């Protein structure tokens, strides 16, 4: 995440590596760092800023002057990833605020925040940079959820989250919850480890119209028990898969929302606010036994 090599930077700019190096010698920009092996390592945001300026001016000296004047270019997932990878919390927050001036909150989360965190996930062994990024993103989304307007619709969504801390799936579920709240839906997120026998009070309070299964850490049997308990109370409720919570066998009638929270939120809102006749073609399956979950 610290930068890109000369060849990659040259390809982005549409010039040869020799031309890029000549710009460095002549103008001092872009100004790469050096790896321990002596290789040039360009900051991606500098290359992006230069490319944008070059596309506008078609003159290298003018483009470099413009890129320097602008500083770092438009907010992007790559720039946010660099800030998070350096533990620069204030810089990361600033980039997100700048993005909100150009994009909706939903697009900022889906196109900037989530990809930036994902880029830092090298493996499952645990990386300090990734954990910092994940916790920063969680805090940012949580703050927005606290100031989301109260529900303005009667329809409600119950989400069972089977992810664990530092899962990318957990961030996606948080993003989906926020987006559903922002369109006025009543929303409740519970963990999939709950005892199904204790869901009664929550079900009576929420009276959900849709059940969303998120995360991929729960066993099929655990999911089946929860779905069975919920549908015992709300037989007309539709079940949705978000992000691959259920294996795709091709036989399930569970509607799949993909893993993009914006599209998932739009689909849920459309389904829940459609007239009953429009939903008749995809009515929920009958009450199921948990061992037959895959065939619903």
C-alpha atoms as a PDB file:
ATOM      1  CA  UNK A   1       0.000   0.000   0.000  1.00  0.00           C
ATOM      2  CA  UNK A   2       3.034   2.373   0.246  1.00  0.00           C
ATOM      3  CA  UNK A   3       3.287   2.957  -3.501  1.00  0.00           C
ATOM      4  CA  UNK A   4       3.685   1.544  -6.983  1.00  0.00           C
ATOM      5  CA  UNK A   5       6.717   0.722  -9.110  1.00  0.00           C
ATOM      6  CA  UNK A   6       7.919   2.732 -12.108  1.00  0.00           C
ATOM      7  CA  UNK A   7       6.412   0.488 -14.779  1.00  0.00           C
ATOM      8  CA  UNK A   8       2.957   0.554 -13.178  1.00  0.00           C
ATOM      9  CA  UNK A   9       3.075   4.338 -12.748  1.00  0.00           C
ATOM     10  CA  UNK A  10       4.163   4.775 -16.371  1.00  0.00           C
ATOM     11  CA  UNK A  11       1.263   2.629 -17.594  1.00  0.00           C
ATOM     12  CA  UNK A  12      -1.212   4.741 -15.601  1.00  0.00           C
ATOM     13  CA  UNK A  13       0.174   7.913 -17.185  1.00  0.00           C
ATOM     14  CA  UNK A  14       0.437   6.463 -20.703  1.00  0.00           C
ATOM     15  CA  UNK A  15       4.163   7.157 -21.021  1.00  0.00           C
ATOM     16  CA  UNK A  16       7.332   5.087 -20.987  1.00  0.00           C
ATOM     17  CA  UNK A  17       9.292   4.442 -17.772  1.00  0.00           C
ATOM     18  CA  UNK A  18      12.181   6.474 -19.218  1.00  0.00           C
ATOM     19  CA  UNK A  19       9.864   9.452 -19.778  1.00  0.00           C
ATOM     20  CA  UNK A  20       8.604   9.230 -16.225  1.00  0.00           C
ATOM     21  CA  UNK A  21      12.142   9.174 -14.875  1.00  0.00           C
ATOM     22  CA  UNK A  22      13.039  12.167 -17.035  1.00  0.00           C
ATOM     23  CA  UNK A  23      10.140  14.125 -15.531  1.00  0.00           C
ATOM     24  CA  UNK A  24      11.475  13.317 -12.086  1.00  0.00           C
ATOM     25  CA  UNK A  25      14.943  14.607 -13.012  1.00  0.00           C
ATOM     26  CA  UNK A  26      13.678  17.722 -14.795  1.00  0.00           C
ATOM     27  CA  UNK A  27      10.751  18.784 -12.604  1.00  0.00           C
ATOM     28  CA  UNK A  28      11.285  16.906  -9.353  1.00  0.00           C
ATOM     29  CA  UNK A  29       7.761  15.530  -9.673  1.00  0.00           C
ATOM     30  CA  UNK A  30       6.472  12.981  -9.086  1.00  0.00           C
ATOM     31  CA  UNK A  31       8.968  12.343  -6.306  1.00  0.00           C
ATOM     32  CA  UNK A  32       9.311   8.624  -5.557  1.00  0.00           C
ATOM     33  CA  UNK A  33      10.671   7.040  -2.440  1.00  0.00           C
ATOM     34  CA  UNK A  34      13.215   4.249  -2.668  1.00  0.00           C
ATOM     35  CA  UNK A  35      12.857   0.689  -1.481  1.00  0.00           C
ATOM     36  CA  UNK A  36      15.627  -1.073   0.417  1.00  0.00           C
ATOM     37  CA  UNK A  37      16.705  -2.503  -2.936  1.00  0.00           C
ATOM     38  CA  UNK A  38      16.923   0.955  -4.519  1.00  0.00           C
ATOM     39  CA  UNK A  39      13.773   0.715  -6.639  1.00  0.00           C
ATOM     40  CA  UNK A  40      11.549   3.744  -7.150  1.00  0.00           C
ATOM     41  CA  UNK A  41       8.221   3.610  -5.315  1.00  0.00           C
ATOM     42  CA  UNK A  42       5.701   6.242  -6.409  1.00  0.00           C
ATOM     43  CA  UNK A  43       2.807   7.399  -4.267  1.00  0.00           C
ATOM     44  CA  UNK A  44      -0.379   6.391  -6.028  1.00  0.00           C
ATOM     45  CA  UNK A  45      -2.146   9.645  -5.186  1.00  0.00           C
ATOM     46  CA  UNK A  46       0.634  11.654  -6.864  1.00  0.00           C
ATOM     47  CA  UNK A  47       0.315   9.588 -10.031  1.00  0.00           C
ATOM     48  CA  UNK A  48      -3.481   9.913  -9.965  1.00  0.00           C
ATOM     49  CA  UNK A  49      -3.240  13.696  -9.489  1.00  0.00           C
ATOM     50  CA  UNK A  50      -0.716  13.993 -12.315  1.00  0.00           C
ATOM     51  CA  UNK A  51      -2.809  11.861 -14.660  1.00  0.00           C
ATOM     52  CA  UNK A  52      -5.899  13.963 -14.037  1.00  0.00           C
ATOM     53  CA  UNK A  53      -3.953  17.201 -14.598  1.00  0.00           C
ATOM     54  CA  UNK A  54      -2.269  15.823 -17.724  1.00  0.00           C
ATOM     55  CA  UNK A  55      -5.635  14.802 -19.190  1.00  0.00           C
ATOM     56  CA  UNK A  56      -6.826  18.384 -18.685  1.00  0.00           C
ATOM     57  CA  UNK A  57      -3.762  20.277 -19.945  1.00  0.00           C
ATOM     58  CA  UNK A  58      -2.005  17.896 -22.389  1.00  0.00           C
ATOM     59  CA  UNK A  59       1.244  19.581 -21.400  1.00  0.00           C
ATOM     60  CA  UNK A  60       3.656  18.049 -18.946  1.00  0.00           C
ATOM     61  CA  UNK A  61       4.958  21.228 -17.305  1.00  0.00           C
ATOM     62  CA  UNK A  62       1.455  22.652 -16.927  1.00  0.00           C
ATOM     63  CA  UNK A  63       0.168  19.304 -15.615  1.00  0.00           C
ATOM     64  CA  UNK A  64       2.907  19.068 -13.005  1.00  0.00           C
ATOM     65  CA  UNK A  65       2.280  22.657 -11.876  1.00  0.00           C
ATOM     66  CA  UNK A  66      -1.446  21.945 -11.616  1.00  0.00           C
ATOM     67  CA  UNK A  67      -0.931  18.672  -9.750  1.00  0.00           C
ATOM     68  CA  UNK A  68       1.372  20.390  -7.271  1.00  0.00           C
ATOM     69  CA  UNK A  69      -1.122  23.212  -6.789  1.00  0.00           C
ATOM     70  CA  UNK A  70      -3.962  20.785  -6.079  1.00  0.00           C
ATOM     71  CA  UNK A  71      -1.794  18.761  -3.768  1.00  0.00           C
ATOM     72  CA  UNK A  72      -3.113  15.211  -3.748  1.00  0.00           C
ATOM     73  CA  UNK A  73      -6.049  14.960  -6.120  1.00  0.00           C
ATOM     74  CA  UNK A  74      -9.501  13.583  -5.497  1.00  0.00           C
ATOM     75  CA  UNK A  75     -10.293  11.321  -2.535  1.00  0.00           C
ATOM     76  CA  UNK A  76      -9.989   7.683  -3.545  1.00  0.00           C
ATOM     77  CA  UNK A  77      -9.904   4.263  -1.945  1.00  0.00           C
ATOM     78  CA  UNK A  78      -6.176   4.082  -2.659  1.00  0.00           C
ATOM     79  CA  UNK A  79      -5.441   7.369  -0.913  1.00  0.00           C
ATOM     80  CA  UNK A  80      -7.563   6.375   2.064  1.00  0.00           C
ATOM     81  CA  UNK A  81      -5.787   3.013   2.171  1.00  0.00           C
ATOM     82  CA  UNK A  82      -2.420   4.760   2.292  1.00  0.00           C
ATOM     83  CA  UNK A  83      -3.551   6.948   5.214  1.00  0.00           C
ATOM     84  CA  UNK A  84      -4.963   3.973   7.107  1.00  0.00           C
ATOM     85  CA  UNK A  85      -1.859   1.920   6.389  1.00  0.00           C
ATOM     86  CA  UNK A  86       0.196   4.674   8.019  1.00  0.00           C
ATOM     87  CA  UNK A  87      -2.153   4.909  11.029  1.00  0.00           C
ATOM     88  CA  UNK A  88      -3.035   8.493  10.078  1.00  0.00           C
ATOM     89  CA  UNK A  89      -6.475   8.740  11.650  1.00  0.00           C
ATOM     90  CA  UNK A  90      -6.928  12.491  11.115  1.00  0.00           C
ATOM     91  CA  UNK A  91      -5.903  12.203   7.468  1.00  0.00           C
ATOM     92  CA  UNK A  92      -8.280   9.290   6.920  1.00  0.00           C
ATOM     93  CA  UNK A  93     -11.154  11.249   8.468  1.00  0.00           C
ATOM     94  CA  UNK A  94     -10.315  14.252   6.292  1.00  0.00           C
ATOM     95  CA  UNK A  95     -10.372  12.141   3.129  1.00  0.00           C
ATOM     96  CA  UNK A  96     -13.792  10.757   3.996  1.00  0.00           C
ATOM     97  CA  UNK A  97     -15.125  14.245   4.658  1.00  0.00           C
ATOM     98  CA  UNK A  98     -13.753  15.376   1.285  1.00  0.00           C
ATOM     99  CA  UNK A  99     -15.412  12.398  -0.377  1.00  0.00           C
ATOM    100  CA  UNK A 100     -18.762  13.315   1.191  1.00  0.00           C
ATOM    101  CA  UNK A 101     -18.529  16.663  -0.596  1.00  0.00           C
ATOM    102  CA  UNK A 102     -18.379  14.803  -3.918  1.00  0.00           C
ATOM    103  CA  UNK A 103     -20.337  11.600  -3.314  1.00  0.00           C
ATOM    104  CA  UNK A 104     -23.307  10.450  -1.294  1.00  0.00           C
ATOM    105  CA  UNK A 105     -22.631   8.826   2.046  1.00  0.00           C
ATOM    106  CA  UNK A 106     -23.642   5.469   0.585  1.00  0.00           C
ATOM    107  CA  UNK A 107     -21.187   5.768  -2.316  1.00  0.00           C
ATOM    108  CA  UNK A 108     -18.443   6.969   0.014  1.00  0.00           C
ATOM    109  CA  UNK A 109     -18.839   3.839   2.117  1.00  0.00           C
ATOM    110  CA  UNK A 110     -19.085   1.420  -0.787  1.00  0.00           C
ATOM    111  CA  UNK A 111     -16.575   2.982  -3.191  1.00  0.00           C
ATOM    112  CA  UNK A 112     -14.023   4.481  -0.800  1.00  0.00           C
ATOM    113  CA  UNK A 113     -14.186   3.107   2.745  1.00  0.00           C
ATOM    114  CA  UNK A 114     -14.840  -0.604   2.215  1.00  0.00           C
ATOM    115  CA  UNK A 115     -12.303  -1.051  -0.641  1.00  0.00           C
ATOM    116  CA  UNK A 116      -9.637   0.838   1.312  1.00  0.00           C
ATOM    117  CA  UNK A 117     -10.004  -1.499   4.295  1.00  0.00           C
ATOM    118  CA  UNK A 118     -10.110  -4.556   2.024  1.00  0.00           C
ATOM    119  CA  UNK A 119      -6.823  -3.575   0.369  1.00  0.00           C
ATOM    120  CA  UNK A 120      -5.071  -3.815   3.722  1.00  0.00           C
ATOM    121  CA  UNK A 121      -6.228  -7.359   4.418  1.00  0.00           C
ATOM    122  CA  UNK A 122      -3.156  -9.335   3.361  1.00  0.00           C
ATOM    123  CA  UNK A 123      -4.053 -12.592   5.078  1.00  0.00           C
ATOM    124  CA  UNK A 124      -5.922 -13.941   8.099  1.00  0.00           C
ATOM    125  CA  UNK A 125      -2.870 -13.984  10.361  1.00  0.00           C
ATOM    126  CA  UNK A 126      -3.620 -10.474  11.554  1.00  0.00           C
ATOM    127  CA  UNK A 127      -2.029  -7.218  10.438  1.00  0.00           C
ATOM    128  CA  UNK A 128      -1.905  -4.117  12.678  1.00  0.00           C
ATOM    129  CA  UNK A 129      -2.649  -1.876   9.692  1.00  0.00           C
ATOM    130  CA  UNK A 130      -5.724  -3.861   8.735  1.00  0.00           C
ATOM    131  CA  UNK A 131      -7.049  -4.043  12.297  1.00  0.00           C
ATOM    132  CA  UNK A 132      -6.564  -0.300  12.720  1.00  0.00           C
ATOM    133  CA  UNK A 133      -8.401   0.307   9.435  1.00  0.00           C
ATOM    134  CA  UNK A 134     -11.232  -2.038  10.397  1.00  0.00           C
ATOM    135  CA  UNK A 135     -11.731  -0.399  13.789  1.00  0.00           C
ATOM    136  CA  UNK A 136     -11.536   3.081  12.256  1.00  0.00           C
ATOM    137  CA  UNK A 137     -14.209   2.136   9.707  1.00  0.00           C
ATOM    138  CA  UNK A 138     -16.389   0.580  12.406  1.00  0.00           C
ATOM    139  CA  UNK A 139     -16.187   3.718  14.506  1.00  0.00           C
ATOM    140  CA  UNK A 140     -16.966   5.956  11.537  1.00  0.00           C
ATOM    141  CA  UNK A 141     -20.025   3.934  10.516  1.00  0.00           C
ATOM    142  CA  UNK A 142     -21.201   3.686  14.137  1.00  0.00           C
ATOM    143  CA  UNK A 143     -21.053   7.469  14.543  1.00  0.00           C
ATOM    144  CA  UNK A 144     -23.203   7.901  11.449  1.00  0.00           C
ATOM    145  CA  UNK A 145     -25.673   5.292  12.654  1.00  0.00           C
ATOM    146  CA  UNK A 146     -26.156   7.209  15.906  1.00  0.00           C
ATOM    147  CA  UNK A 147     -27.238  10.336  14.024  1.00  0.00           C
ATOM    148  CA  UNK A 148     -29.380   8.535  11.429  1.00  0.00           C
ATOM    149  CA  UNK A 149     -32.976   9.828  11.370  1.00  0.00           C
ATOM    150  CA  UNK A 150     -35.664   7.800  13.142  1.00  0.00           C
ATOM    151  CA  UNK A 151     -37.582   5.207  11.142  1.00  0.00           C
ATOM    152  CA  UNK A 152     -40.245   6.710   8.892  1.00  0.00           C
ATOM    153  CA  UNK A 153     -41.660   3.472   7.418  1.00  0.00           C
ATOM    154  CA  UNK A 154     -43.665   0.626   8.886  1.00  0.00           C
ATOM    155  CA  UNK A 155     -41.568  -2.074   7.219  1.00  0.00           C
ATOM    156  CA  UNK A 156     -38.840  -3.690   9.302  1.00  0.00           C
ATOM    157  CA  UNK A 157     -35.737  -5.780   8.624  1.00  0.00           C
ATOM    158  CA  UNK A 158     -34.139  -8.266  10.998  1.00  0.00           C
ATOM    159  CA  UNK A 159     -30.478  -9.030  10.277  1.00  0.00           C
ATOM    160  CA  UNK A 160     -28.665 -12.032  11.699  1.00  0.00           C
ATOM    161  CA  UNK A 161     -24.931 -11.311  11.620  1.00  0.00           C
ATOM    162  CA  UNK A 162     -22.680 -14.361  11.792  1.00  0.00           C
ATOM    163  CA  UNK A 163     -19.427 -12.470  11.259  1.00  0.00           C
ATOM    164  CA  UNK A 164     -16.765 -11.879  13.899  1.00  0.00           C
ATOM    165  CA  UNK A 165     -14.734  -8.759  14.786  1.00  0.00           C
ATOM    166  CA  UNK A 166     -12.292  -7.739  12.044  1.00  0.00           C
ATOM    167  CA  UNK A 167     -14.242  -9.612   9.352  1.00  0.00           C
ATOM    168  CA  UNK A 168     -14.856  -7.618   6.196  1.00  0.00           C
ATOM    169  CA  UNK A 169     -18.312  -9.195   6.286  1.00  0.00           C
ATOM    170  CA  UNK A 170     -18.920  -7.463   9.614  1.00  0.00           C
ATOM    171  CA  UNK A 171     -18.195  -4.072   8.025  1.00  0.00           C
ATOM    172  CA  UNK A 172     -20.541  -4.834   5.148  1.00  0.00           C
ATOM    173  CA  UNK A 173     -23.334  -5.746   7.570  1.00  0.00           C
ATOM    174  CA  UNK A 174     -22.763  -2.512   9.490  1.00  0.00           C
ATOM    175  CA  UNK A 175     -22.886  -0.568   6.224  1.00  0.00           C
ATOM    176  CA  UNK A 176     -26.110  -2.302   5.193  1.00  0.00           C
ATOM    177  CA  UNK A 177     -27.740  -1.548   8.535  1.00  0.00           C
ATOM    178  CA  UNK A 178     -26.822   2.132   8.234  1.00  0.00           C
ATOM    179  CA  UNK A 179     -28.168   2.378   4.693  1.00  0.00           C
ATOM    180  CA  UNK A 180     -31.433   0.696   5.644  1.00  0.00           C
ATOM    181  CA  UNK A 181     -31.867   3.107   8.525  1.00  0.00           C
ATOM    182  CA  UNK A 182     -31.192   6.054   6.234  1.00  0.00           C
ATOM    183  CA  UNK A 183     -34.064   5.059   3.932  1.00  0.00           C
ATOM    184  CA  UNK A 184     -36.411   4.938   6.927  1.00  0.00           C
ATOM    185  CA  UNK A 185     -36.705   1.181   7.542  1.00  0.00           C
ATOM    186  CA  UNK A 186     -36.886  -0.156  11.075  1.00  0.00           C
ATOM    187  CA  UNK A 187     -33.798  -2.322  11.496  1.00  0.00           C
ATOM    188  CA  UNK A 188     -32.452  -4.679  14.132  1.00  0.00           C
ATOM    189  CA  UNK A 189     -29.140  -6.555  13.983  1.00  0.00           C
ATOM    190  CA  UNK A 190     -28.619  -9.649  16.148  1.00  0.00           C
ATOM    191  CA  UNK A 191     -25.859 -12.216  16.244  1.00  0.00           C
ATOM    192  CA  UNK A 192     -26.504 -15.676  14.870  1.00  0.00           C
ATOM    193  CA  UNK A 193     -25.309 -17.237  18.135  1.00  0.00           C
ATOM    194  CA  UNK A 194     -28.534 -16.344  19.947  1.00  0.00           C
ATOM    195  CA  UNK A 195     -30.770 -18.989  21.431  1.00  0.00           C
ATOM    196  CA  UNK A 196     -33.760 -19.164  19.025  1.00  0.00           C
ATOM    197  CA  UNK A 197     -36.091 -19.799  21.978  1.00  0.00           C
ATOM    198  CA  UNK A 198     -35.322 -16.285  23.263  1.00  0.00           C
ATOM    199  CA  UNK A 199     -36.294 -14.400  20.124  1.00  0.00           C
ATOM    200  CA  UNK A 200     -39.938 -13.907  21.104  1.00  0.00           C
ATOM    201  CA  UNK A 201     -39.650 -10.441  22.640  1.00  0.00           C
ATOM    202  CA  UNK A 202     -37.530  -9.109  19.786  1.00  0.00           C
ATOM    203  CA  UNK A 203     -39.935 -10.516  17.211  1.00  0.00           C
ATOM    204  CA  UNK A 204     -42.954  -8.968  18.901  1.00  0.00           C
ATOM    205  CA  UNK A 205     -41.235  -5.595  19.124  1.00  0.00           C
ATOM    206  CA  UNK A 206     -39.944  -5.514  15.548  1.00  0.00           C
ATOM    207  CA  UNK A 207     -42.512  -7.588  13.594  1.00  0.00           C
ATOM    208  CA  UNK A 208     -40.031  -7.915  10.700  1.00  0.00           C
ATOM    209  CA  UNK A 209     -41.056  -8.162   7.065  1.00  0.00           C
ATOM    210  CA  UNK A 210     -37.671  -9.440   5.933  1.00  0.00           C
ATOM    211  CA  UNK A 211     -34.887 -11.535   7.418  1.00  0.00           C
ATOM    212  CA  UNK A 212     -31.345 -10.955   6.155  1.00  0.00           C
ATOM    213  CA  UNK A 213     -28.587 -13.480   6.767  1.00  0.00           C
ATOM    214  CA  UNK A 214     -25.154 -11.850   6.829  1.00  0.00           C
ATOM    215  CA  UNK A 215     -21.654 -13.101   7.532  1.00  0.00           C
ATOM    216  CA  UNK A 216     -20.232 -16.540   6.828  1.00  0.00           C
ATOM    217  CA  UNK A 217     -19.185 -17.846  10.250  1.00  0.00           C
ATOM    218  CA  UNK A 218     -22.359 -19.650  11.332  1.00  0.00           C
ATOM    219  CA  UNK A 219     -23.066 -23.317  10.716  1.00  0.00           C
ATOM    220  CA  UNK A 220     -25.954 -24.272   8.480  1.00  0.00           C
ATOM    221  CA  UNK A 221     -27.670 -25.903  11.440  1.00  0.00           C
ATOM    222  CA  UNK A 222     -27.450 -22.696  13.514  1.00  0.00           C
ATOM    223  CA  UNK A 223     -28.874 -20.653  10.650  1.00  0.00           C
ATOM    224  CA  UNK A 224     -31.639 -23.196  10.159  1.00  0.00           C
ATOM    225  CA  UNK A 225     -32.735 -23.008  13.794  1.00  0.00           C
ATOM    226  CA  UNK A 226     -32.902 -19.222  13.652  1.00  0.00           C
ATOM    227  CA  UNK A 227     -34.823 -19.128  10.379  1.00  0.00           C
ATOM    228  CA  UNK A 228     -37.252 -21.734  11.677  1.00  0.00           C
ATOM    229  CA  UNK A 229     -37.859 -19.750  14.879  1.00  0.00           C
ATOM    230  CA  UNK A 230     -38.398 -16.476  13.010  1.00  0.00           C
ATOM    231  CA  UNK A 231     -40.737 -17.966  10.445  1.00  0.00           C
ATOM    232  CA  UNK A 232     -42.714 -19.659  13.183  1.00  0.00           C
ATOM    233  CA  UNK A 233     -43.649 -16.168  14.339  1.00  0.00           C
ATOM    234  CA  UNK A 234     -43.797 -14.393  10.963  1.00  0.00           C
ATOM    235  CA  UNK A 235     -44.871 -16.798   8.202  1.00  0.00           C
ATOM    236  CA  UNK A 236     -45.071 -14.124   5.489  1.00  0.00           C
ATOM    237  CA  UNK A 237     -41.501 -13.010   6.051  1.00  0.00           C
ATOM    238  CA  UNK A 238     -39.006 -13.143   3.149  1.00  0.00           C
ATOM    239  CA  UNK A 239     -35.471 -14.455   3.701  1.00  0.00           C
ATOM    240  CA  UNK A 240     -32.462 -12.877   1.995  1.00  0.00           C
ATOM    241  CA  UNK A 241     -28.796 -13.841   1.789  1.00  0.00           C
ATOM    242  CA  UNK A 242     -26.284 -10.994   2.035  1.00  0.00           C
ATOM    243  CA  UNK A 243     -22.674 -11.742   1.200  1.00  0.00           C
ATOM    244  CA  UNK A 244     -22.845 -15.521   0.922  1.00  0.00           C
ATOM    245  CA  UNK A 245     -24.165 -16.547   4.318  1.00  0.00           C
ATOM    246  CA  UNK A 246     -25.726 -19.616   2.693  1.00  0.00           C
ATOM    247  CA  UNK A 247     -23.951 -21.989   0.286  1.00  0.00           C
ATOM    248  CA  UNK A 248     -25.205 -21.528  -3.252  1.00  0.00           C
ATOM    249  CA  UNK A 249     -26.583 -24.916  -4.259  1.00  0.00           C
ATOM    250  CA  UNK A 250     -28.756 -23.565  -7.046  1.00  0.00           C
ATOM    251  CA  UNK A 251     -31.869 -25.045  -5.404  1.00  0.00           C
ATOM    252  CA  UNK A 252     -32.533 -22.446  -2.719  1.00  0.00           C
ATOM    253  CA  UNK A 253     -35.360 -19.937  -3.091  1.00  0.00           C
ATOM    254  CA  UNK A 254     -33.651 -17.533  -0.698  1.00  0.00           C
ATOM    255  CA  UNK A 255     -33.146 -14.267  -2.585  1.00  0.00           C
ATOM    256  CA  UNK A 256     -29.469 -13.334  -2.862  1.00  0.00           C
ATOM    257  CA  UNK A 257     -28.529  -9.714  -2.375  1.00  0.00           C
ATOM    258  CA  UNK A 258     -24.845  -9.968  -3.293  1.00  0.00           C
ATOM    259  CA  UNK A 259     -22.241  -8.320  -1.068  1.00  0.00           C
ATOM    260  CA  UNK A 260     -22.612  -4.654  -2.077  1.00  0.00           C
ATOM    261  CA  UNK A 261     -24.567  -2.845   0.669  1.00  0.00           C
ATOM    262  CA  UNK A 262     -25.924  -0.137  -1.649  1.00  0.00           C
ATOM    263  CA  UNK A 263     -27.515  -2.595  -4.069  1.00  0.00           C
ATOM    264  CA  UNK A 264     -28.724  -4.778  -1.196  1.00  0.00           C
ATOM    265  CA  UNK A 265     -30.388  -1.811   0.497  1.00  0.00           C
ATOM    266  CA  UNK A 266     -32.083  -0.741  -2.741  1.00  0.00           C
ATOM    267  CA  UNK A 267     -33.353  -4.274  -3.405  1.00  0.00           C
ATOM    268  CA  UNK A 268     -34.744  -4.645   0.097  1.00  0.00           C
ATOM    269  CA  UNK A 269     -36.500  -1.292  -0.028  1.00  0.00           C
ATOM    270  CA  UNK A 270     -37.996  -2.128  -3.407  1.00  0.00           C
ATOM    271  CA  UNK A 271     -39.225  -5.531  -2.220  1.00  0.00           C
ATOM    272  CA  UNK A 272     -40.672  -4.274   1.042  1.00  0.00           C
ATOM    273  CA  UNK A 273     -42.480  -1.283  -0.424  1.00  0.00           C
ATOM    274  CA  UNK A 274     -43.845  -3.085  -3.496  1.00  0.00           C
ATOM    275  CA  UNK A 275     -47.570  -3.704  -3.715  1.00  0.00           C
ATOM    276  CA  UNK A 276     -48.612  -7.198  -2.585  1.00  0.00           C
ATOM    277  CA  UNK A 277     -49.499  -8.206  -6.155  1.00  0.00           C
ATOM    278  CA  UNK A 278     -45.982  -7.346  -7.305  1.00  0.00           C
ATOM    279  CA  UNK A 279     -44.505  -9.621  -4.664  1.00  0.00           C
ATOM    280  CA  UNK A 280     -46.830 -12.515  -5.379  1.00  0.00           C
ATOM    281  CA  UNK A 281     -44.532 -14.062  -7.971  1.00  0.00           C
ATOM    282  CA  UNK A 282     -41.786 -14.605  -5.390  1.00  0.00           C
ATOM    283  CA  UNK A 283     -43.735 -15.334  -2.242  1.00  0.00           C
ATOM    284  CA  UNK A 284     -41.757 -16.880   0.626  1.00  0.00           C
ATOM    285  CA  UNK A 285     -41.570 -20.627   0.842  1.00  0.00           C
ATOM    286  CA  UNK A 286     -43.617 -22.504   3.459  1.00  0.00           C
ATOM    287  CA  UNK A 287     -42.403 -22.908   7.001  1.00  0.00           C
ATOM    288  CA  UNK A 288     -39.345 -25.143   6.961  1.00  0.00           C
ATOM    289  CA  UNK A 289     -37.492 -27.610   9.068  1.00  0.00           C
ATOM    290  CA  UNK A 290     -33.968 -26.421   9.775  1.00  0.00           C
ATOM    291  CA  UNK A 291     -32.390 -29.551   8.292  1.00  0.00           C
ATOM    292  CA  UNK A 292     -34.019 -28.618   4.967  1.00  0.00           C
ATOM    293  CA  UNK A 293     -32.766 -25.008   4.922  1.00  0.00           C
ATOM    294  CA  UNK A 294     -30.870 -25.385   1.685  1.00  0.00           C
ATOM    295  CA  UNK A 295     -33.993 -26.294  -0.210  1.00  0.00           C
ATOM    296  CA  UNK A 296     -36.064 -23.260   0.768  1.00  0.00           C
END
